[in-house]
């Protein structure tokens, strides 16, 4: 009897263990980043998101960082859509045919920090831009921006627009490329990770980047001059997204957990992280002896005048291709920038 009873208890115990294990059965989601593991986009934004969701899910969701991105940076959207990786991010300027509205957050004249710009952009996106469906094909989780985009070069300080004429400047595309050309540079588009080779080989004389990128991509040993325009010459708008099929197969409980750490929460996390590394980038440039210039009033006025056609062209494109009022959207974005800057 004791043997039978013990066997029955063992069976019940085993069944209970199996049920408990089933209750916390893991779903593994892959992640990838097209910048280095040490870059804050990988270690703080992407991995930080995965760690928080994994912990909050009680182990039901697990995130695995792939050792290498399955596609070049401009192919990231398609890689997630097609299931080559489950979760990743990319700047909208790498896919200009698909993303027009995100360039709102890339226009010159935004806020002074990545956190302000990211939170304001997030609010405007979910309120007014998401309905246009520019992220159709993936499950968009968040949008954010990098820090104010500035100009760095190896040739000379930029005291006037004449100093920039014909200078070969690498950009990431989008508004950065349009702005560089509007200011008279000989601009071209290449992914950020290629910047060191472009500068060191002389193919490029300079780059448009946030301050952190000069150190992150080890350009501080090459760059000699920095021009820091108030609010930045441009920014880059990022989408952070997930494979739609994987999202649809998740239990609602797990979807809710992911959403808790997405949206404005993730926008603020990314913005704060970028502001921190921008400070480190500024310190790194000073340590490397980079000559840092802030444009005088005359140059600021000239830059603003040259930027207006870029802004007008975006407004026109939004009307023609999305049938939306770009001027009203821009006004709404600027109002939200002030709201966020005030701490609301």
C-alpha atoms as a PDB file:
ATOM      1  CA  UNK A   1       0.000   0.000   0.000  1.00  0.00           C
ATOM      2  CA  UNK A   2       2.779   2.384   0.996  1.00  0.00           C
ATOM      3  CA  UNK A   3       4.556   1.692  -2.264  1.00  0.00           C
ATOM      4  CA  UNK A   4       1.408   2.358  -4.313  1.00  0.00           C
ATOM      5  CA  UNK A   5       0.616   5.450  -2.286  1.00  0.00           C
ATOM      6  CA  UNK A   6       4.149   6.746  -2.694  1.00  0.00           C
ATOM      7  CA  UNK A   7       3.981   6.109  -6.429  1.00  0.00           C
ATOM      8  CA  UNK A   8       0.707   7.998  -6.666  1.00  0.00           C
ATOM      9  CA  UNK A   9       2.155  10.941  -4.727  1.00  0.00           C
ATOM     10  CA  UNK A  10       5.178  10.943  -6.995  1.00  0.00           C
ATOM     11  CA  UNK A  11       2.914  10.989 -10.029  1.00  0.00           C
ATOM     12  CA  UNK A  12       0.923  13.878  -8.630  1.00  0.00           C
ATOM     13  CA  UNK A  13       4.106  15.730  -7.758  1.00  0.00           C
ATOM     14  CA  UNK A  14       5.477  15.177 -11.242  1.00  0.00           C
ATOM     15  CA  UNK A  15       2.239  16.340 -12.784  1.00  0.00           C
ATOM     16  CA  UNK A  16       2.335  19.468 -10.622  1.00  0.00           C
ATOM     17  CA  UNK A  17       5.899  20.191 -11.670  1.00  0.00           C
ATOM     18  CA  UNK A  18       4.978  19.725 -15.335  1.00  0.00           C
ATOM     19  CA  UNK A  19       2.025  22.096 -14.915  1.00  0.00           C
ATOM     20  CA  UNK A  20       4.230  24.680 -13.239  1.00  0.00           C
ATOM     21  CA  UNK A  21       6.780  24.432 -16.009  1.00  0.00           C
ATOM     22  CA  UNK A  22       4.063  24.735 -18.646  1.00  0.00           C
ATOM     23  CA  UNK A  23       2.716  27.802 -16.879  1.00  0.00           C
ATOM     24  CA  UNK A  24       6.042  29.574 -17.317  1.00  0.00           C
ATOM     25  CA  UNK A  25       6.886  28.108 -20.721  1.00  0.00           C
ATOM     26  CA  UNK A  26       9.284  30.430 -22.454  1.00  0.00           C
ATOM     27  CA  UNK A  27       8.867  32.194 -25.750  1.00  0.00           C
ATOM     28  CA  UNK A  28      12.269  33.179 -27.079  1.00  0.00           C
ATOM     29  CA  UNK A  29      12.451  36.294 -29.226  1.00  0.00           C
ATOM     30  CA  UNK A  30      15.600  37.177 -31.137  1.00  0.00           C
ATOM     31  CA  UNK A  31      17.030  40.694 -31.243  1.00  0.00           C
ATOM     32  CA  UNK A  32      19.710  42.259 -33.432  1.00  0.00           C
ATOM     33  CA  UNK A  33      21.593  45.528 -33.605  1.00  0.00           C
ATOM     34  CA  UNK A  34      23.561  46.963 -36.513  1.00  0.00           C
ATOM     35  CA  UNK A  35      25.933  48.897 -34.263  1.00  0.00           C
ATOM     36  CA  UNK A  36      28.536  47.347 -31.955  1.00  0.00           C
ATOM     37  CA  UNK A  37      27.650  45.521 -28.710  1.00  0.00           C
ATOM     38  CA  UNK A  38      29.244  48.393 -26.770  1.00  0.00           C
ATOM     39  CA  UNK A  39      27.088  51.072 -28.428  1.00  0.00           C
ATOM     40  CA  UNK A  40      24.347  52.301 -26.124  1.00  0.00           C
ATOM     41  CA  UNK A  41      21.659  51.498 -28.716  1.00  0.00           C
ATOM     42  CA  UNK A  42      22.614  47.846 -28.285  1.00  0.00           C
ATOM     43  CA  UNK A  43      23.564  47.675 -24.602  1.00  0.00           C
ATOM     44  CA  UNK A  44      21.145  50.182 -23.052  1.00  0.00           C
ATOM     45  CA  UNK A  45      18.180  50.640 -25.388  1.00  0.00           C
ATOM     46  CA  UNK A  46      17.737  47.227 -27.039  1.00  0.00           C
ATOM     47  CA  UNK A  47      19.208  44.953 -24.352  1.00  0.00           C
ATOM     48  CA  UNK A  48      17.734  47.094 -21.580  1.00  0.00           C
ATOM     49  CA  UNK A  49      14.280  46.726 -23.106  1.00  0.00           C
ATOM     50  CA  UNK A  50      14.739  42.947 -23.384  1.00  0.00           C
ATOM     51  CA  UNK A  51      15.963  42.613 -19.794  1.00  0.00           C
ATOM     52  CA  UNK A  52      13.055  44.602 -18.352  1.00  0.00           C
ATOM     53  CA  UNK A  53      10.410  42.739 -20.333  1.00  0.00           C
ATOM     54  CA  UNK A  54      11.981  39.380 -19.514  1.00  0.00           C
ATOM     55  CA  UNK A  55      11.984  40.149 -15.787  1.00  0.00           C
ATOM     56  CA  UNK A  56       8.451  41.555 -15.769  1.00  0.00           C
ATOM     57  CA  UNK A  57       7.126  38.526 -17.661  1.00  0.00           C
ATOM     58  CA  UNK A  58       8.310  36.209 -14.905  1.00  0.00           C
ATOM     59  CA  UNK A  59      10.417  34.268 -17.388  1.00  0.00           C
ATOM     60  CA  UNK A  60       7.694  33.669 -19.986  1.00  0.00           C
ATOM     61  CA  UNK A  61       9.507  35.887 -22.481  1.00  0.00           C
ATOM     62  CA  UNK A  62      13.190  35.525 -23.185  1.00  0.00           C
ATOM     63  CA  UNK A  63      15.269  37.701 -25.513  1.00  0.00           C
ATOM     64  CA  UNK A  64      18.301  36.423 -27.365  1.00  0.00           C
ATOM     65  CA  UNK A  65      20.708  38.897 -28.990  1.00  0.00           C
ATOM     66  CA  UNK A  66      22.007  37.578 -32.288  1.00  0.00           C
ATOM     67  CA  UNK A  67      25.813  37.766 -32.627  1.00  0.00           C
ATOM     68  CA  UNK A  68      25.424  39.522 -35.970  1.00  0.00           C
ATOM     69  CA  UNK A  69      22.651  41.516 -37.616  1.00  0.00           C
ATOM     70  CA  UNK A  70      21.030  39.458 -40.411  1.00  0.00           C
ATOM     71  CA  UNK A  71      20.985  42.429 -42.802  1.00  0.00           C
ATOM     72  CA  UNK A  72      22.795  45.678 -43.519  1.00  0.00           C
ATOM     73  CA  UNK A  73      21.302  48.650 -41.617  1.00  0.00           C
ATOM     74  CA  UNK A  74      18.981  49.801 -44.439  1.00  0.00           C
ATOM     75  CA  UNK A  75      17.558  46.264 -44.655  1.00  0.00           C
ATOM     76  CA  UNK A  76      16.581  46.068 -40.981  1.00  0.00           C
ATOM     77  CA  UNK A  77      12.884  46.830 -41.492  1.00  0.00           C
ATOM     78  CA  UNK A  78      12.570  44.054 -44.076  1.00  0.00           C
ATOM     79  CA  UNK A  79      14.600  41.646 -41.914  1.00  0.00           C
ATOM     80  CA  UNK A  80      12.119  42.060 -39.043  1.00  0.00           C
ATOM     81  CA  UNK A  81       9.096  41.978 -41.331  1.00  0.00           C
ATOM     82  CA  UNK A  82      10.317  38.765 -42.979  1.00  0.00           C
ATOM     83  CA  UNK A  83      11.182  37.033 -39.699  1.00  0.00           C
ATOM     84  CA  UNK A  84      14.974  36.981 -39.983  1.00  0.00           C
ATOM     85  CA  UNK A  85      15.006  38.574 -36.521  1.00  0.00           C
ATOM     86  CA  UNK A  86      12.126  39.286 -34.151  1.00  0.00           C
ATOM     87  CA  UNK A  87      13.027  42.670 -32.605  1.00  0.00           C
ATOM     88  CA  UNK A  88      15.218  45.507 -33.860  1.00  0.00           C
ATOM     89  CA  UNK A  89      15.267  49.206 -34.744  1.00  0.00           C
ATOM     90  CA  UNK A  90      16.377  51.443 -37.595  1.00  0.00           C
ATOM     91  CA  UNK A  91      16.479  55.110 -38.497  1.00  0.00           C
ATOM     92  CA  UNK A  92      13.668  56.075 -40.866  1.00  0.00           C
ATOM     93  CA  UNK A  93      16.048  57.951 -43.183  1.00  0.00           C
ATOM     94  CA  UNK A  94      17.510  54.599 -44.288  1.00  0.00           C
ATOM     95  CA  UNK A  95      14.158  53.752 -45.901  1.00  0.00           C
ATOM     96  CA  UNK A  96      13.056  57.026 -47.578  1.00  0.00           C
ATOM     97  CA  UNK A  97      10.543  55.449 -49.934  1.00  0.00           C
ATOM     98  CA  UNK A  98       8.645  53.995 -46.989  1.00  0.00           C
ATOM     99  CA  UNK A  99       9.053  56.654 -44.298  1.00  0.00           C
ATOM    100  CA  UNK A 100       8.157  60.278 -44.937  1.00  0.00           C
ATOM    101  CA  UNK A 101       6.272  61.374 -41.808  1.00  0.00           C
ATOM    102  CA  UNK A 102       9.090  60.461 -39.351  1.00  0.00           C
ATOM    103  CA  UNK A 103      11.222  63.131 -41.038  1.00  0.00           C
ATOM    104  CA  UNK A 104       9.146  65.585 -38.999  1.00  0.00           C
ATOM    105  CA  UNK A 105      11.448  64.819 -36.079  1.00  0.00           C
ATOM    106  CA  UNK A 106      14.563  65.157 -38.256  1.00  0.00           C
ATOM    107  CA  UNK A 107      13.961  68.754 -39.343  1.00  0.00           C
ATOM    108  CA  UNK A 108      16.245  71.482 -37.947  1.00  0.00           C
ATOM    109  CA  UNK A 109      14.883  73.641 -35.170  1.00  0.00           C
ATOM    110  CA  UNK A 110      13.896  70.917 -32.700  1.00  0.00           C
ATOM    111  CA  UNK A 111      14.722  70.754 -28.985  1.00  0.00           C
ATOM    112  CA  UNK A 112      18.069  70.860 -27.239  1.00  0.00           C
ATOM    113  CA  UNK A 113      18.192  67.240 -26.059  1.00  0.00           C
ATOM    114  CA  UNK A 114      17.401  63.765 -27.312  1.00  0.00           C
ATOM    115  CA  UNK A 115      15.014  63.188 -24.410  1.00  0.00           C
ATOM    116  CA  UNK A 116      12.925  66.258 -25.253  1.00  0.00           C
ATOM    117  CA  UNK A 117      12.860  65.411 -28.944  1.00  0.00           C
ATOM    118  CA  UNK A 118      12.171  61.708 -28.429  1.00  0.00           C
ATOM    119  CA  UNK A 119       9.260  62.186 -26.035  1.00  0.00           C
ATOM    120  CA  UNK A 120       7.687  64.948 -28.139  1.00  0.00           C
ATOM    121  CA  UNK A 121       8.068  62.878 -31.295  1.00  0.00           C
ATOM    122  CA  UNK A 122       6.590  59.825 -29.583  1.00  0.00           C
ATOM    123  CA  UNK A 123       3.512  61.783 -28.515  1.00  0.00           C
ATOM    124  CA  UNK A 124       2.966  63.259 -31.982  1.00  0.00           C
ATOM    125  CA  UNK A 125       3.547  59.929 -33.690  1.00  0.00           C
ATOM    126  CA  UNK A 126       0.946  57.990 -31.723  1.00  0.00           C
ATOM    127  CA  UNK A 127      -1.518  60.884 -31.848  1.00  0.00           C
ATOM    128  CA  UNK A 128      -1.229  61.941 -35.492  1.00  0.00           C
ATOM    129  CA  UNK A 129       1.251  59.929 -37.581  1.00  0.00           C
ATOM    130  CA  UNK A 130       0.659  56.268 -36.785  1.00  0.00           C
ATOM    131  CA  UNK A 131      -2.671  56.184 -38.626  1.00  0.00           C
ATOM    132  CA  UNK A 132      -0.837  56.703 -41.936  1.00  0.00           C
ATOM    133  CA  UNK A 133       0.529  53.163 -41.662  1.00  0.00           C
ATOM    134  CA  UNK A 134       4.146  53.842 -42.566  1.00  0.00           C
ATOM    135  CA  UNK A 135       5.217  50.972 -40.299  1.00  0.00           C
ATOM    136  CA  UNK A 136       2.750  48.528 -41.806  1.00  0.00           C
ATOM    137  CA  UNK A 137       4.237  45.031 -41.909  1.00  0.00           C
ATOM    138  CA  UNK A 138       5.815  45.133 -38.464  1.00  0.00           C
ATOM    139  CA  UNK A 139       4.513  45.742 -34.952  1.00  0.00           C
ATOM    140  CA  UNK A 140       5.819  49.195 -34.082  1.00  0.00           C
ATOM    141  CA  UNK A 141       6.632  49.434 -30.381  1.00  0.00           C
ATOM    142  CA  UNK A 142       8.259  52.859 -30.067  1.00  0.00           C
ATOM    143  CA  UNK A 143       9.796  55.818 -31.871  1.00  0.00           C
ATOM    144  CA  UNK A 144      12.597  58.097 -30.687  1.00  0.00           C
ATOM    145  CA  UNK A 145      15.397  60.338 -31.976  1.00  0.00           C
ATOM    146  CA  UNK A 146      19.109  60.650 -31.420  1.00  0.00           C
ATOM    147  CA  UNK A 147      20.657  63.795 -30.006  1.00  0.00           C
ATOM    148  CA  UNK A 148      20.872  67.006 -32.044  1.00  0.00           C
ATOM    149  CA  UNK A 149      22.837  66.218 -35.215  1.00  0.00           C
ATOM    150  CA  UNK A 150      25.968  68.289 -35.685  1.00  0.00           C
ATOM    151  CA  UNK A 151      28.754  68.778 -38.253  1.00  0.00           C
ATOM    152  CA  UNK A 152      32.298  67.428 -37.899  1.00  0.00           C
ATOM    153  CA  UNK A 153      35.190  67.645 -40.346  1.00  0.00           C
ATOM    154  CA  UNK A 154      38.916  67.178 -40.888  1.00  0.00           C
ATOM    155  CA  UNK A 155      39.600  70.290 -43.008  1.00  0.00           C
ATOM    156  CA  UNK A 156      38.776  73.613 -41.345  1.00  0.00           C
ATOM    157  CA  UNK A 157      36.531  75.396 -38.864  1.00  0.00           C
ATOM    158  CA  UNK A 158      33.185  76.478 -40.315  1.00  0.00           C
ATOM    159  CA  UNK A 159      33.001  80.244 -39.783  1.00  0.00           C
ATOM    160  CA  UNK A 160      30.690  80.887 -42.737  1.00  0.00           C
ATOM    161  CA  UNK A 161      28.836  78.888 -45.358  1.00  0.00           C
ATOM    162  CA  UNK A 162      31.718  79.575 -47.745  1.00  0.00           C
ATOM    163  CA  UNK A 163      33.918  77.314 -45.575  1.00  0.00           C
ATOM    164  CA  UNK A 164      31.570  74.407 -46.228  1.00  0.00           C
ATOM    165  CA  UNK A 165      31.264  74.691 -50.008  1.00  0.00           C
ATOM    166  CA  UNK A 166      32.151  71.425 -51.747  1.00  0.00           C
ATOM    167  CA  UNK A 167      33.227  69.668 -48.561  1.00  0.00           C
ATOM    168  CA  UNK A 168      32.549  65.910 -48.823  1.00  0.00           C
ATOM    169  CA  UNK A 169      30.139  65.090 -45.990  1.00  0.00           C
ATOM    170  CA  UNK A 170      28.804  61.633 -45.117  1.00  0.00           C
ATOM    171  CA  UNK A 171      25.179  61.647 -43.955  1.00  0.00           C
ATOM    172  CA  UNK A 172      22.638  59.009 -43.038  1.00  0.00           C
ATOM    173  CA  UNK A 173      20.164  60.303 -45.614  1.00  0.00           C
ATOM    174  CA  UNK A 174      16.828  61.979 -45.046  1.00  0.00           C
ATOM    175  CA  UNK A 175      16.886  65.511 -43.679  1.00  0.00           C
ATOM    176  CA  UNK A 176      20.605  65.292 -42.820  1.00  0.00           C
ATOM    177  CA  UNK A 177      21.434  64.766 -46.482  1.00  0.00           C
ATOM    178  CA  UNK A 178      19.057  67.489 -47.620  1.00  0.00           C
ATOM    179  CA  UNK A 179      20.492  69.944 -45.087  1.00  0.00           C
ATOM    180  CA  UNK A 180      24.124  69.217 -45.993  1.00  0.00           C
ATOM    181  CA  UNK A 181      23.360  69.824 -49.670  1.00  0.00           C
ATOM    182  CA  UNK A 182      21.343  72.964 -48.900  1.00  0.00           C
ATOM    183  CA  UNK A 183      24.343  74.375 -47.042  1.00  0.00           C
ATOM    184  CA  UNK A 184      26.612  73.758 -50.031  1.00  0.00           C
ATOM    185  CA  UNK A 185      28.379  70.550 -49.050  1.00  0.00           C
ATOM    186  CA  UNK A 186      29.001  67.665 -51.430  1.00  0.00           C
ATOM    187  CA  UNK A 187      26.902  65.229 -49.412  1.00  0.00           C
ATOM    188  CA  UNK A 188      26.427  61.500 -49.867  1.00  0.00           C
ATOM    189  CA  UNK A 189      24.610  58.743 -47.962  1.00  0.00           C
ATOM    190  CA  UNK A 190      26.331  55.855 -46.190  1.00  0.00           C
ATOM    191  CA  UNK A 191      25.428  53.817 -43.062  1.00  0.00           C
ATOM    192  CA  UNK A 192      26.969  55.059 -39.819  1.00  0.00           C
ATOM    193  CA  UNK A 193      29.268  52.033 -39.212  1.00  0.00           C
ATOM    194  CA  UNK A 194      31.196  52.851 -42.416  1.00  0.00           C
ATOM    195  CA  UNK A 195      32.190  56.319 -41.222  1.00  0.00           C
ATOM    196  CA  UNK A 196      35.668  55.520 -39.892  1.00  0.00           C
ATOM    197  CA  UNK A 197      36.772  54.004 -43.185  1.00  0.00           C
ATOM    198  CA  UNK A 198      35.253  56.891 -45.153  1.00  0.00           C
ATOM    199  CA  UNK A 199      37.052  59.534 -43.084  1.00  0.00           C
ATOM    200  CA  UNK A 200      40.379  57.717 -42.701  1.00  0.00           C
ATOM    201  CA  UNK A 201      40.586  57.022 -46.439  1.00  0.00           C
ATOM    202  CA  UNK A 202      39.733  60.602 -47.405  1.00  0.00           C
ATOM    203  CA  UNK A 203      36.559  59.595 -49.220  1.00  0.00           C
ATOM    204  CA  UNK A 204      34.740  61.884 -46.780  1.00  0.00           C
ATOM    205  CA  UNK A 205      35.995  65.161 -45.297  1.00  0.00           C
ATOM    206  CA  UNK A 206      33.429  65.086 -42.556  1.00  0.00           C
ATOM    207  CA  UNK A 207      30.192  63.683 -41.156  1.00  0.00           C
ATOM    208  CA  UNK A 208      26.814  64.737 -39.840  1.00  0.00           C
ATOM    209  CA  UNK A 209      26.366  62.962 -36.491  1.00  0.00           C
ATOM    210  CA  UNK A 210      25.208  63.437 -32.916  1.00  0.00           C
ATOM    211  CA  UNK A 211      28.153  64.121 -30.610  1.00  0.00           C
ATOM    212  CA  UNK A 212      28.236  60.591 -29.157  1.00  0.00           C
ATOM    213  CA  UNK A 213      28.970  59.050 -32.551  1.00  0.00           C
ATOM    214  CA  UNK A 214      32.362  60.719 -32.827  1.00  0.00           C
ATOM    215  CA  UNK A 215      33.563  58.600 -29.909  1.00  0.00           C
ATOM    216  CA  UNK A 216      31.327  55.565 -30.540  1.00  0.00           C
ATOM    217  CA  UNK A 217      32.678  55.139 -34.060  1.00  0.00           C
ATOM    218  CA  UNK A 218      36.238  56.078 -32.982  1.00  0.00           C
ATOM    219  CA  UNK A 219      36.342  59.224 -35.095  1.00  0.00           C
ATOM    220  CA  UNK A 220      37.832  61.384 -32.325  1.00  0.00           C
ATOM    221  CA  UNK A 221      41.318  60.496 -33.581  1.00  0.00           C
ATOM    222  CA  UNK A 222      40.411  61.723 -37.080  1.00  0.00           C
ATOM    223  CA  UNK A 223      38.058  64.685 -36.661  1.00  0.00           C
ATOM    224  CA  UNK A 224      39.664  68.099 -36.099  1.00  0.00           C
ATOM    225  CA  UNK A 225      36.715  70.486 -36.110  1.00  0.00           C
ATOM    226  CA  UNK A 226      33.180  70.388 -34.698  1.00  0.00           C
ATOM    227  CA  UNK A 227      30.369  72.839 -35.477  1.00  0.00           C
ATOM    228  CA  UNK A 228      27.569  72.698 -32.881  1.00  0.00           C
ATOM    229  CA  UNK A 229      24.424  74.382 -34.183  1.00  0.00           C
ATOM    230  CA  UNK A 230      21.804  75.222 -31.507  1.00  0.00           C
ATOM    231  CA  UNK A 231      19.209  72.414 -31.585  1.00  0.00           C
ATOM    232  CA  UNK A 232      21.187  70.618 -34.277  1.00  0.00           C
ATOM    233  CA  UNK A 233      21.323  70.795 -38.064  1.00  0.00           C
ATOM    234  CA  UNK A 234      19.038  67.749 -38.111  1.00  0.00           C
ATOM    235  CA  UNK A 235      18.142  64.671 -36.099  1.00  0.00           C
ATOM    236  CA  UNK A 236      17.428  61.031 -36.939  1.00  0.00           C
ATOM    237  CA  UNK A 237      14.065  59.441 -36.226  1.00  0.00           C
ATOM    238  CA  UNK A 238      14.128  55.772 -35.177  1.00  0.00           C
ATOM    239  CA  UNK A 239      11.474  53.088 -35.240  1.00  0.00           C
ATOM    240  CA  UNK A 240      11.706  50.218 -32.736  1.00  0.00           C
ATOM    241  CA  UNK A 241       9.640  47.246 -33.865  1.00  0.00           C
ATOM    242  CA  UNK A 242       8.824  43.550 -33.721  1.00  0.00           C
ATOM    243  CA  UNK A 243       7.893  40.843 -36.207  1.00  0.00           C
ATOM    244  CA  UNK A 244       4.120  41.019 -36.581  1.00  0.00           C
ATOM    245  CA  UNK A 245       3.497  37.261 -36.734  1.00  0.00           C
ATOM    246  CA  UNK A 246       5.457  36.708 -33.516  1.00  0.00           C
ATOM    247  CA  UNK A 247       3.513  39.525 -31.876  1.00  0.00           C
ATOM    248  CA  UNK A 248       0.148  38.071 -32.913  1.00  0.00           C
ATOM    249  CA  UNK A 249       1.068  34.650 -31.487  1.00  0.00           C
ATOM    250  CA  UNK A 250       1.848  36.026 -28.036  1.00  0.00           C
ATOM    251  CA  UNK A 251      -0.674  35.751 -25.227  1.00  0.00           C
ATOM    252  CA  UNK A 252      -2.371  39.060 -24.403  1.00  0.00           C
ATOM    253  CA  UNK A 253      -0.667  39.002 -21.014  1.00  0.00           C
ATOM    254  CA  UNK A 254       2.732  38.986 -22.719  1.00  0.00           C
ATOM    255  CA  UNK A 255       1.702  41.628 -25.246  1.00  0.00           C
ATOM    256  CA  UNK A 256       0.629  43.881 -22.359  1.00  0.00           C
ATOM    257  CA  UNK A 257       3.981  43.340 -20.656  1.00  0.00           C
ATOM    258  CA  UNK A 258       5.871  44.355 -23.792  1.00  0.00           C
ATOM    259  CA  UNK A 259       3.700  47.430 -24.269  1.00  0.00           C
ATOM    260  CA  UNK A 260       4.389  48.508 -20.690  1.00  0.00           C
ATOM    261  CA  UNK A 261       8.034  49.057 -21.647  1.00  0.00           C
ATOM    262  CA  UNK A 262       7.323  50.471 -25.110  1.00  0.00           C
ATOM    263  CA  UNK A 263       5.825  53.759 -26.329  1.00  0.00           C
ATOM    264  CA  UNK A 264       6.789  56.889 -24.409  1.00  0.00           C
ATOM    265  CA  UNK A 265       8.567  54.815 -21.754  1.00  0.00           C
ATOM    266  CA  UNK A 266      11.053  53.516 -24.320  1.00  0.00           C
ATOM    267  CA  UNK A 267      11.292  56.909 -26.050  1.00  0.00           C
ATOM    268  CA  UNK A 268      12.344  58.500 -22.765  1.00  0.00           C
ATOM    269  CA  UNK A 269      14.793  55.669 -22.011  1.00  0.00           C
ATOM    270  CA  UNK A 270      16.428  56.053 -25.434  1.00  0.00           C
ATOM    271  CA  UNK A 271      16.507  59.846 -25.196  1.00  0.00           C
ATOM    272  CA  UNK A 272      18.106  59.887 -21.736  1.00  0.00           C
ATOM    273  CA  UNK A 273      20.661  57.328 -22.837  1.00  0.00           C
ATOM    274  CA  UNK A 274      21.551  59.385 -25.898  1.00  0.00           C
ATOM    275  CA  UNK A 275      21.916  62.567 -23.867  1.00  0.00           C
ATOM    276  CA  UNK A 276      24.295  60.770 -21.549  1.00  0.00           C
ATOM    277  CA  UNK A 277      26.510  59.484 -24.352  1.00  0.00           C
ATOM    278  CA  UNK A 278      26.371  62.873 -26.100  1.00  0.00           C
ATOM    279  CA  UNK A 279      27.940  64.358 -22.966  1.00  0.00           C
ATOM    280  CA  UNK A 280      30.594  61.660 -23.027  1.00  0.00           C
ATOM    281  CA  UNK A 281      31.158  62.355 -26.724  1.00  0.00           C
ATOM    282  CA  UNK A 282      31.653  66.051 -26.047  1.00  0.00           C
ATOM    283  CA  UNK A 283      34.154  65.257 -23.300  1.00  0.00           C
ATOM    284  CA  UNK A 284      35.948  62.795 -25.579  1.00  0.00           C
ATOM    285  CA  UNK A 285      36.284  65.374 -28.340  1.00  0.00           C
ATOM    286  CA  UNK A 286      37.736  67.922 -25.926  1.00  0.00           C
ATOM    287  CA  UNK A 287      40.197  65.330 -24.651  1.00  0.00           C
ATOM    288  CA  UNK A 288      41.229  64.530 -28.239  1.00  0.00           C
ATOM    289  CA  UNK A 289      41.800  68.219 -28.991  1.00  0.00           C
ATOM    290  CA  UNK A 290      38.907  68.654 -31.425  1.00  0.00           C
ATOM    291  CA  UNK A 291      38.261  72.367 -32.022  1.00  0.00           C
ATOM    292  CA  UNK A 292      34.622  72.949 -31.062  1.00  0.00           C
ATOM    293  CA  UNK A 293      32.838  75.942 -32.583  1.00  0.00           C
ATOM    294  CA  UNK A 294      29.368  77.410 -31.991  1.00  0.00           C
ATOM    295  CA  UNK A 295      28.129  79.436 -35.001  1.00  0.00           C
ATOM    296  CA  UNK A 296      27.862  83.173 -34.519  1.00  0.00           C
ATOM    297  CA  UNK A 297      24.589  85.071 -35.098  1.00  0.00           C
ATOM    298  CA  UNK A 298      25.288  85.740 -38.787  1.00  0.00           C
ATOM    299  CA  UNK A 299      26.013  82.092 -39.567  1.00  0.00           C
ATOM    300  CA  UNK A 300      22.992  80.937 -37.549  1.00  0.00           C
ATOM    301  CA  UNK A 301      20.805  83.285 -39.598  1.00  0.00           C
ATOM    302  CA  UNK A 302      22.309  81.983 -42.853  1.00  0.00           C
ATOM    303  CA  UNK A 303      21.771  78.351 -41.815  1.00  0.00           C
ATOM    304  CA  UNK A 304      18.163  79.065 -40.870  1.00  0.00           C
ATOM    305  CA  UNK A 305      17.546  80.705 -44.245  1.00  0.00           C
ATOM    306  CA  UNK A 306      19.040  77.717 -46.090  1.00  0.00           C
ATOM    307  CA  UNK A 307      16.993  75.273 -44.020  1.00  0.00           C
ATOM    308  CA  UNK A 308      13.596  76.788 -44.862  1.00  0.00           C
ATOM    309  CA  UNK A 309      13.386  75.242 -48.361  1.00  0.00           C
ATOM    310  CA  UNK A 310      14.163  71.836 -46.811  1.00  0.00           C
ATOM    311  CA  UNK A 311      11.272  72.291 -44.386  1.00  0.00           C
ATOM    312  CA  UNK A 312       8.970  73.553 -47.155  1.00  0.00           C
ATOM    313  CA  UNK A 313       9.840  70.578 -49.344  1.00  0.00           C
ATOM    314  CA  UNK A 314       8.914  68.134 -46.557  1.00  0.00           C
ATOM    315  CA  UNK A 315       5.578  69.908 -46.052  1.00  0.00           C
ATOM    316  CA  UNK A 316       4.900  69.647 -49.781  1.00  0.00           C
ATOM    317  CA  UNK A 317       5.838  65.944 -49.886  1.00  0.00           C
ATOM    318  CA  UNK A 318       3.590  65.148 -46.922  1.00  0.00           C
ATOM    319  CA  UNK A 319       0.667  66.769 -48.719  1.00  0.00           C
ATOM    320  CA  UNK A 320       1.356  65.046 -52.045  1.00  0.00           C
ATOM    321  CA  UNK A 321       2.146  61.552 -50.746  1.00  0.00           C
ATOM    322  CA  UNK A 322       0.182  61.311 -47.481  1.00  0.00           C
ATOM    323  CA  UNK A 323      -2.531  63.934 -48.011  1.00  0.00           C
ATOM    324  CA  UNK A 324      -1.745  65.436 -44.607  1.00  0.00           C
ATOM    325  CA  UNK A 325      -1.057  68.989 -43.452  1.00  0.00           C
ATOM    326  CA  UNK A 326       2.683  69.004 -42.788  1.00  0.00           C
ATOM    327  CA  UNK A 327       2.725  72.615 -41.602  1.00  0.00           C
ATOM    328  CA  UNK A 328       0.096  71.840 -38.951  1.00  0.00           C
ATOM    329  CA  UNK A 329       1.980  68.703 -37.881  1.00  0.00           C
ATOM    330  CA  UNK A 330       5.205  70.683 -37.535  1.00  0.00           C
ATOM    331  CA  UNK A 331       3.442  73.347 -35.476  1.00  0.00           C
ATOM    332  CA  UNK A 332       1.989  70.619 -33.275  1.00  0.00           C
ATOM    333  CA  UNK A 333       5.446  69.054 -32.836  1.00  0.00           C
ATOM    334  CA  UNK A 334       7.047  72.375 -31.845  1.00  0.00           C
ATOM    335  CA  UNK A 335       4.305  72.980 -29.292  1.00  0.00           C
ATOM    336  CA  UNK A 336       4.890  69.517 -27.837  1.00  0.00           C
ATOM    337  CA  UNK A 337       8.653  70.193 -27.671  1.00  0.00           C
ATOM    338  CA  UNK A 338       7.930  73.189 -25.434  1.00  0.00           C
ATOM    339  CA  UNK A 339       5.576  71.116 -23.299  1.00  0.00           C
ATOM    340  CA  UNK A 340       8.155  68.373 -22.751  1.00  0.00           C
ATOM    341  CA  UNK A 341      10.938  70.898 -22.122  1.00  0.00           C
ATOM    342  CA  UNK A 342       8.808  72.430 -19.362  1.00  0.00           C
ATOM    343  CA  UNK A 343       8.714  69.056 -17.598  1.00  0.00           C
ATOM    344  CA  UNK A 344       5.186  68.028 -18.547  1.00  0.00           C
END
